[in-house]
Amino acid sequence: METTTLTMRVPVKLKEQLEKLADATHRSKSYLAGEAIRQYLDIEAWQIAEIQLAIKEADANDFATIEEVDATVKKYAG
């Protein structure tokens, strides 16, 4: 995988936490920071995709019926 350098400023406390985690896991700070950024981007992309899908459904008037909502509430809330 091709890589590049990213320089960023973080609070001292965050850098210290990263260093402790790197020591404890025997991973590099770069690896851990890259994994954290990747996970964050994956979650954000998923949320954006779900929001866009919900907007399309709403624009198409594809809403749950009262009965469907009631059934879901009864299923999970008792």
PDB file of N, CA and C in Angstrom:
ATOM      1  N   MET A   1       0.839  -1.173   0.000  1.00  0.00           N
ATOM      2  CA  MET A   1       0.000   0.000   0.000  1.00  0.00           C
ATOM      3  C   MET A   1       0.891   1.245   0.000  1.00  0.00           C
ATOM      4  N   GLU A   2       0.571   2.164  -0.861  1.00  0.00           N
ATOM      5  CA  GLU A   2       1.321   3.407  -0.933  1.00  0.00           C
ATOM      6  C   GLU A   2       0.985   4.279   0.270  1.00  0.00           C
ATOM      7  N   THR A   3       1.980   4.921   0.841  1.00  0.00           N
ATOM      8  CA  THR A   3       1.756   5.784   1.998  1.00  0.00           C
ATOM      9  C   THR A   3       2.289   7.175   1.723  1.00  0.00           C
ATOM     10  N   THR A   4       1.886   8.100   2.577  1.00  0.00           N
ATOM     11  CA  THR A   4       2.367   9.464   2.507  1.00  0.00           C
ATOM     12  C   THR A   4       2.501   9.989   3.929  1.00  0.00           C
ATOM     13  N   THR A   5       3.099  11.134   4.080  1.00  0.00           N
ATOM     14  CA  THR A   5       3.296  11.732   5.392  1.00  0.00           C
ATOM     15  C   THR A   5       2.193  12.739   5.665  1.00  0.00           C
ATOM     16  N   LEU A   6       1.690  12.704   6.890  1.00  0.00           N
ATOM     17  CA  LEU A   6       0.682  13.649   7.348  1.00  0.00           C
ATOM     18  C   LEU A   6       1.195  14.264   8.640  1.00  0.00           C
ATOM     19  N   THR A   7       1.307  15.568   8.667  1.00  0.00           N
ATOM     20  CA  THR A   7       1.755  16.261   9.867  1.00  0.00           C
ATOM     21  C   THR A   7       0.570  16.981  10.473  1.00  0.00           C
ATOM     22  N   MET A   8       0.384  16.804  11.780  1.00  0.00           N
ATOM     23  CA  MET A   8      -0.747  17.450  12.433  1.00  0.00           C
ATOM     24  C   MET A   8      -0.400  17.808  13.864  1.00  0.00           C
ATOM     25  N   ARG A   9      -1.135  18.770  14.380  1.00  0.00           N
ATOM     26  CA  ARG A   9      -0.965  19.173  15.767  1.00  0.00           C
ATOM     27  C   ARG A   9      -2.058  18.525  16.598  1.00  0.00           C
ATOM     28  N   VAL A  10      -1.659  17.990  17.739  1.00  0.00           N
ATOM     29  CA  VAL A  10      -2.611  17.394  18.673  1.00  0.00           C
ATOM     30  C   VAL A  10      -2.266  17.894  20.076  1.00  0.00           C
ATOM     31  N   PRO A  11      -3.249  17.861  20.969  1.00  0.00           N
ATOM     32  CA  PRO A  11      -2.942  18.231  22.348  1.00  0.00           C
ATOM     33  C   PRO A  11      -1.871  17.307  22.943  1.00  0.00           C
ATOM     34  N   VAL A  12      -1.054  17.844  23.822  1.00  0.00           N
ATOM     35  CA  VAL A  12       0.030  17.081  24.446  1.00  0.00           C
ATOM     36  C   VAL A  12      -0.523  15.812  25.094  1.00  0.00           C
ATOM     37  N   LYS A  13      -1.645  15.928  25.788  1.00  0.00           N
ATOM     38  CA  LYS A  13      -2.245  14.784  26.470  1.00  0.00           C
ATOM     39  C   LYS A  13      -2.574  13.663  25.476  1.00  0.00           C
ATOM     40  N   LEU A  14      -3.081  14.022  24.314  1.00  0.00           N
ATOM     41  CA  LEU A  14      -3.414  13.028  23.295  1.00  0.00           C
ATOM     42  C   LEU A  14      -2.151  12.327  22.787  1.00  0.00           C
ATOM     43  N   LYS A  15      -1.101  13.092  22.579  1.00  0.00           N
ATOM     44  CA  LYS A  15       0.160  12.500  22.133  1.00  0.00           C
ATOM     45  C   LYS A  15       0.709  11.543  23.185  1.00  0.00           C
ATOM     46  N   GLU A  16       0.590  11.921  24.441  1.00  0.00           N
ATOM     47  CA  GLU A  16       1.061  11.054  25.523  1.00  0.00           C
ATOM     48  C   GLU A  16       0.259   9.752  25.570  1.00  0.00           C
ATOM     49  N   GLN A  17      -1.049   9.858  25.378  1.00  0.00           N
ATOM     50  CA  GLN A  17      -1.895   8.659  25.346  1.00  0.00           C
ATOM     51  C   GLN A  17      -1.506   7.756  24.177  1.00  0.00           C
ATOM     52  N   LEU A  18      -1.246   8.357  23.034  1.00  0.00           N
ATOM     53  CA  LEU A  18      -0.842   7.597  21.858  1.00  0.00           C
ATOM     54  C   LEU A  18       0.479   6.886  22.113  1.00  0.00           C
ATOM     55  N   GLU A  19       1.420   7.573  22.727  1.00  0.00           N
ATOM     56  CA  GLU A  19       2.717   6.968  23.032  1.00  0.00           C
ATOM     57  C   GLU A  19       2.559   5.786  23.995  1.00  0.00           C
ATOM     58  N   LYS A  20       1.718   5.945  25.023  1.00  0.00           N
ATOM     59  CA  LYS A  20       1.488   4.852  25.977  1.00  0.00           C
ATOM     60  C   LYS A  20       0.848   3.646  25.292  1.00  0.00           C
ATOM     61  N   LEU A  21      -0.114   3.902  24.426  1.00  0.00           N
ATOM     62  CA  LEU A  21      -0.769   2.814  23.711  1.00  0.00           C
ATOM     63  C   LEU A  21       0.207   2.123  22.764  1.00  0.00           C
ATOM     64  N   ALA A  22       1.034   2.903  22.096  1.00  0.00           N
ATOM     65  CA  ALA A  22       2.031   2.327  21.187  1.00  0.00           C
ATOM     66  C   ALA A  22       2.990   1.424  21.964  1.00  0.00           C
ATOM     67  N   ASP A  23       3.436   1.880  23.118  1.00  0.00           N
ATOM     68  CA  ASP A  23       4.327   1.059  23.942  1.00  0.00           C
ATOM     69  C   ASP A  23       3.629  -0.227  24.395  1.00  0.00           C
ATOM     70  N   ALA A  24       2.388  -0.089  24.855  1.00  0.00           N
ATOM     71  CA  ALA A  24       1.659  -1.243  25.391  1.00  0.00           C
ATOM     72  C   ALA A  24       1.327  -2.275  24.319  1.00  0.00           C
ATOM     73  N   THR A  25       1.097  -1.824  23.108  1.00  0.00           N
ATOM     74  CA  THR A  25       0.679  -2.737  22.038  1.00  0.00           C
ATOM     75  C   THR A  25       1.817  -3.126  21.099  1.00  0.00           C
ATOM     76  N   HIS A  26       2.970  -2.546  21.325  1.00  0.00           N
ATOM     77  CA  HIS A  26       4.143  -2.785  20.460  1.00  0.00           C
ATOM     78  C   HIS A  26       3.822  -2.431  19.007  1.00  0.00           C
ATOM     79  N   ARG A  27       3.072  -1.364  18.841  1.00  0.00           N
ATOM     80  CA  ARG A  27       2.747  -0.821  17.516  1.00  0.00           C
ATOM     81  C   ARG A  27       3.349   0.569  17.418  1.00  0.00           C
ATOM     82  N   SER A  28       3.540   1.037  16.209  1.00  0.00           N
ATOM     83  CA  SER A  28       4.059   2.390  16.046  1.00  0.00           C
ATOM     84  C   SER A  28       2.932   3.406  16.240  1.00  0.00           C
ATOM     85  N   LYS A  29       3.317   4.600  16.616  1.00  0.00           N
ATOM     86  CA  LYS A  29       2.333   5.683  16.741  1.00  0.00           C
ATOM     87  C   LYS A  29       1.677   5.945  15.386  1.00  0.00           C
ATOM     88  N   SER A  30       2.441   5.848  14.327  1.00  0.00           N
ATOM     89  CA  SER A  30       1.886   6.061  12.988  1.00  0.00           C
ATOM     90  C   SER A  30       0.817   5.030  12.663  1.00  0.00           C
ATOM     91  N   TYR A  31       1.086   3.775  12.997  1.00  0.00           N
ATOM     92  CA  TYR A  31       0.103   2.723  12.737  1.00  0.00           C
ATOM     93  C   TYR A  31      -1.184   2.993  13.509  1.00  0.00           C
ATOM     94  N   LEU A  32      -1.058   3.270  14.803  1.00  0.00           N
ATOM     95  CA  LEU A  32      -2.237   3.499  15.632  1.00  0.00           C
ATOM     96  C   LEU A  32      -3.020   4.727  15.181  1.00  0.00           C
ATOM     97  N   ALA A  33      -2.320   5.801  14.856  1.00  0.00           N
ATOM     98  CA  ALA A  33      -3.008   7.013  14.389  1.00  0.00           C
ATOM     99  C   ALA A  33      -3.696   6.748  13.056  1.00  0.00           C
ATOM    100  N   GLY A  34      -3.042   6.020  12.178  1.00  0.00           N
ATOM    101  CA  GLY A  34      -3.649   5.678  10.891  1.00  0.00           C
ATOM    102  C   GLY A  34      -4.893   4.827  11.062  1.00  0.00           C
ATOM    103  N   GLU A  35      -4.836   3.851  11.972  1.00  0.00           N
ATOM    104  CA  GLU A  35      -5.997   3.005  12.246  1.00  0.00           C
ATOM    105  C   GLU A  35      -7.146   3.829  12.826  1.00  0.00           C
ATOM    106  N   ALA A  36      -6.828   4.738  13.722  1.00  0.00           N
ATOM    107  CA  ALA A  36      -7.869   5.585  14.320  1.00  0.00           C
ATOM    108  C   ALA A  36      -8.541   6.446  13.250  1.00  0.00           C
ATOM    109  N   ILE A  37      -7.752   7.015  12.370  1.00  0.00           N
ATOM    110  CA  ILE A  37      -8.303   7.847  11.295  1.00  0.00           C
ATOM    111  C   ILE A  37      -9.140   6.993  10.346  1.00  0.00           C
ATOM    112  N   ARG A  38      -8.646   5.797  10.006  1.00  0.00           N
ATOM    113  CA  ARG A  38      -9.388   4.905   9.107  1.00  0.00           C
ATOM    114  C   ARG A  38     -10.736   4.523   9.705  1.00  0.00           C
ATOM    115  N   GLN A  39     -10.737   4.151  10.974  1.00  0.00           N
ATOM    116  CA  GLN A  39     -11.994   3.777  11.629  1.00  0.00           C
ATOM    117  C   GLN A  39     -12.965   4.949  11.677  1.00  0.00           C
ATOM    118  N   TYR A  40     -12.458   6.129  11.979  1.00  0.00           N
ATOM    119  CA  TYR A  40     -13.296   7.322  12.016  1.00  0.00           C
ATOM    120  C   TYR A  40     -13.913   7.581  10.644  1.00  0.00           C
ATOM    121  N   LEU A  41     -13.112   7.504   9.607  1.00  0.00           N
ATOM    122  CA  LEU A  41     -13.604   7.749   8.254  1.00  0.00           C
ATOM    123  C   LEU A  41     -14.624   6.702   7.828  1.00  0.00           C
ATOM    124  N   ASP A  42     -14.401   5.440   8.209  1.00  0.00           N
ATOM    125  CA  ASP A  42     -15.368   4.385   7.897  1.00  0.00           C
ATOM    126  C   ASP A  42     -16.722   4.673   8.546  1.00  0.00           C
ATOM    127  N   ILE A  43     -16.705   5.058   9.810  1.00  0.00           N
ATOM    128  CA  ILE A  43     -17.949   5.354  10.528  1.00  0.00           C
ATOM    129  C   ILE A  43     -18.650   6.558   9.921  1.00  0.00           C
ATOM    130  N   GLU A  44     -17.905   7.601   9.635  1.00  0.00           N
ATOM    131  CA  GLU A  44     -18.502   8.801   9.045  1.00  0.00           C
ATOM    132  C   GLU A  44     -19.097   8.504   7.675  1.00  0.00           C
ATOM    133  N   ALA A  45     -18.395   7.719   6.866  1.00  0.00           N
ATOM    134  CA  ALA A  45     -18.903   7.370   5.532  1.00  0.00           C
ATOM    135  C   ALA A  45     -20.191   6.566   5.655  1.00  0.00           C
ATOM    136  N   TRP A  46     -20.232   5.627   6.620  1.00  0.00           N
ATOM    137  CA  TRP A  46     -21.440   4.832   6.835  1.00  0.00           C
ATOM    138  C   TRP A  46     -22.603   5.736   7.244  1.00  0.00           C
ATOM    139  N   GLN A  47     -22.353   6.662   8.169  1.00  0.00           N
ATOM    140  CA  GLN A  47     -23.419   7.553   8.621  1.00  0.00           C
ATOM    141  C   GLN A  47     -23.937   8.427   7.475  1.00  0.00           C
ATOM    142  N   ILE A  48     -23.053   8.962   6.679  1.00  0.00           N
ATOM    143  CA  ILE A  48     -23.461   9.798   5.553  1.00  0.00           C
ATOM    144  C   ILE A  48     -24.290   8.993   4.565  1.00  0.00           C
ATOM    145  N   ALA A  49     -23.858   7.764   4.275  1.00  0.00           N
ATOM    146  CA  ALA A  49     -24.612   6.912   3.347  1.00  0.00           C
ATOM    147  C   ALA A  49     -26.007   6.623   3.887  1.00  0.00           C
ATOM    148  N   GLU A  50     -26.122   6.343   5.184  1.00  0.00           N
ATOM    149  CA  GLU A  50     -27.421   6.067   5.787  1.00  0.00           C
ATOM    150  C   GLU A  50     -28.317   7.310   5.769  1.00  0.00           C
ATOM    151  N   ILE A  51     -27.749   8.463   6.014  1.00  0.00           N
ATOM    152  CA  ILE A  51     -28.520   9.708   5.967  1.00  0.00           C
ATOM    153  C   ILE A  51     -29.019   9.963   4.549  1.00  0.00           C
ATOM    154  N   GLN A  52     -28.141   9.773   3.563  1.00  0.00           N
ATOM    155  CA  GLN A  52     -28.548   9.980   2.175  1.00  0.00           C
ATOM    156  C   GLN A  52     -29.658   9.015   1.772  1.00  0.00           C
ATOM    157  N   LEU A  53     -29.574   7.767   2.212  1.00  0.00           N
ATOM    158  CA  LEU A  53     -30.622   6.796   1.932  1.00  0.00           C
ATOM    159  C   LEU A  53     -31.929   7.211   2.599  1.00  0.00           C
ATOM    160  N   ALA A  54     -31.864   7.669   3.836  1.00  0.00           N
ATOM    161  CA  ALA A  54     -33.067   8.109   4.548  1.00  0.00           C
ATOM    162  C   ALA A  54     -33.703   9.316   3.863  1.00  0.00           C
ATOM    163  N   ILE A  55     -32.898  10.209   3.353  1.00  0.00           N
ATOM    164  CA  ILE A  55     -33.434  11.374   2.637  1.00  0.00           C
ATOM    165  C   ILE A  55     -34.156  10.927   1.376  1.00  0.00           C
ATOM    166  N   LYS A  56     -33.563   9.971   0.646  1.00  0.00           N
ATOM    167  CA  LYS A  56     -34.225   9.451  -0.554  1.00  0.00           C
ATOM    168  C   LYS A  56     -35.560   8.799  -0.200  1.00  0.00           C
ATOM    169  N   GLU A  57     -35.572   8.023   0.872  1.00  0.00           N
ATOM    170  CA  GLU A  57     -36.810   7.375   1.302  1.00  0.00           C
ATOM    171  C   GLU A  57     -37.852   8.425   1.707  1.00  0.00           C
ATOM    172  N   ALA A  58     -37.419   9.444   2.416  1.00  0.00           N
ATOM    173  CA  ALA A  58     -38.352  10.497   2.832  1.00  0.00           C
ATOM    174  C   ALA A  58     -38.881  11.253   1.618  1.00  0.00           C
ATOM    175  N   ASP A  59     -38.006  11.546   0.678  1.00  0.00           N
ATOM    176  CA  ASP A  59     -38.438  12.243  -0.543  1.00  0.00           C
ATOM    177  C   ASP A  59     -39.452  11.418  -1.326  1.00  0.00           C
ATOM    178  N   ALA A  60     -39.373  10.082  -1.202  1.00  0.00           N
ATOM    179  CA  ALA A  60     -40.305   9.198  -1.892  1.00  0.00           C
ATOM    180  C   ALA A  60     -41.532   8.885  -1.023  1.00  0.00           C
ATOM    181  N   ASN A  61     -41.659   9.604   0.098  1.00  0.00           N
ATOM    182  CA  ASN A  61     -42.753   9.379   1.054  1.00  0.00           C
ATOM    183  C   ASN A  61     -42.790   7.940   1.561  1.00  0.00           C
ATOM    184  N   ASP A  62     -41.625   7.333   1.703  1.00  0.00           N
ATOM    185  CA  ASP A  62     -41.511   5.959   2.178  1.00  0.00           C
ATOM    186  C   ASP A  62     -41.293   5.971   3.694  1.00  0.00           C
ATOM    187  N   PHE A  63     -42.392   6.149   4.416  1.00  0.00           N
ATOM    188  CA  PHE A  63     -42.339   6.223   5.871  1.00  0.00           C
ATOM    189  C   PHE A  63     -42.977   4.990   6.478  1.00  0.00           C
ATOM    190  N   ALA A  64     -42.595   4.671   7.708  1.00  0.00           N
ATOM    191  CA  ALA A  64     -43.231   3.572   8.434  1.00  0.00           C
ATOM    192  C   ALA A  64     -44.654   3.979   8.796  1.00  0.00           C
ATOM    193  N   THR A  65     -45.542   3.001   8.765  1.00  0.00           N
ATOM    194  CA  THR A  65     -46.924   3.260   9.183  1.00  0.00           C
ATOM    195  C   THR A  65     -46.979   3.296  10.704  1.00  0.00           C
ATOM    196  N   ILE A  66     -48.061   3.820  11.227  1.00  0.00           N
ATOM    197  CA  ILE A  66     -48.257   3.836  12.681  1.00  0.00           C
ATOM    198  C   ILE A  66     -48.210   2.409  13.224  1.00  0.00           C
ATOM    199  N   GLU A  67     -48.803   1.476  12.494  1.00  0.00           N
ATOM    200  CA  GLU A  67     -48.818   0.087  12.926  1.00  0.00           C
ATOM    201  C   GLU A  67     -47.402  -0.495  12.999  1.00  0.00           C
ATOM    202  N   GLU A  68     -46.573  -0.161  12.002  1.00  0.00           N
ATOM    203  CA  GLU A  68     -45.192  -0.649  12.006  1.00  0.00           C
ATOM    204  C   GLU A  68     -44.400  -0.062  13.169  1.00  0.00           C
ATOM    205  N   VAL A  69     -44.613   1.201  13.442  1.00  0.00           N
ATOM    206  CA  VAL A  69     -43.944   1.846  14.571  1.00  0.00           C
ATOM    207  C   VAL A  69     -44.404   1.198  15.872  1.00  0.00           C
ATOM    208  N   ASP A  70     -45.693   1.035  16.041  1.00  0.00           N
ATOM    209  CA  ASP A  70     -46.229   0.404  17.257  1.00  0.00           C
ATOM    210  C   ASP A  70     -45.678  -1.003  17.448  1.00  0.00           C
ATOM    211  N   ALA A  71     -45.599  -1.775  16.372  1.00  0.00           N
ATOM    212  CA  ALA A  71     -45.076  -3.140  16.460  1.00  0.00           C
ATOM    213  C   ALA A  71     -43.614  -3.136  16.898  1.00  0.00           C
ATOM    214  N   THR A  72     -42.848  -2.206  16.385  1.00  0.00           N
ATOM    215  CA  THR A  72     -41.427  -2.114  16.744  1.00  0.00           C
ATOM    216  C   THR A  72     -41.278  -1.706  18.207  1.00  0.00           C
ATOM    217  N   VAL A  73     -42.073  -0.742  18.637  1.00  0.00           N
ATOM    218  CA  VAL A  73     -42.021  -0.307  20.029  1.00  0.00           C
ATOM    219  C   VAL A  73     -42.387  -1.471  20.959  1.00  0.00           C
ATOM    220  N   LYS A  74     -43.451  -2.192  20.619  1.00  0.00           N
ATOM    221  CA  LYS A  74     -43.868  -3.333  21.455  1.00  0.00           C
ATOM    222  C   LYS A  74     -42.786  -4.405  21.483  1.00  0.00           C
ATOM    223  N   LYS A  75     -42.125  -4.626  20.362  1.00  0.00           N
ATOM    224  CA  LYS A  75     -41.097  -5.651  20.276  1.00  0.00           C
ATOM    225  C   LYS A  75     -39.911  -5.334  21.189  1.00  0.00           C
ATOM    226  N   TYR A  76     -39.485  -4.080  21.208  1.00  0.00           N
ATOM    227  CA  TYR A  76     -38.267  -3.724  21.935  1.00  0.00           C
ATOM    228  C   TYR A  76     -38.518  -3.076  23.288  1.00  0.00           C
ATOM    229  N   ALA A  77     -39.670  -2.465  23.481  1.00  0.00           N
ATOM    230  CA  ALA A  77     -39.935  -1.783  24.745  1.00  0.00           C
ATOM    231  C   ALA A  77     -40.925  -2.542  25.627  1.00  0.00           C
ATOM    232  N   GLY A  78     -41.492  -3.582  25.061  1.00  0.00           N
ATOM    233  CA  GLY A  78     -42.409  -4.418  25.841  1.00  0.00           C
ATOM    234  C   GLY A  78     -43.707  -3.829  25.916  1.00  0.00           C
TER     235      GLY A  78
END
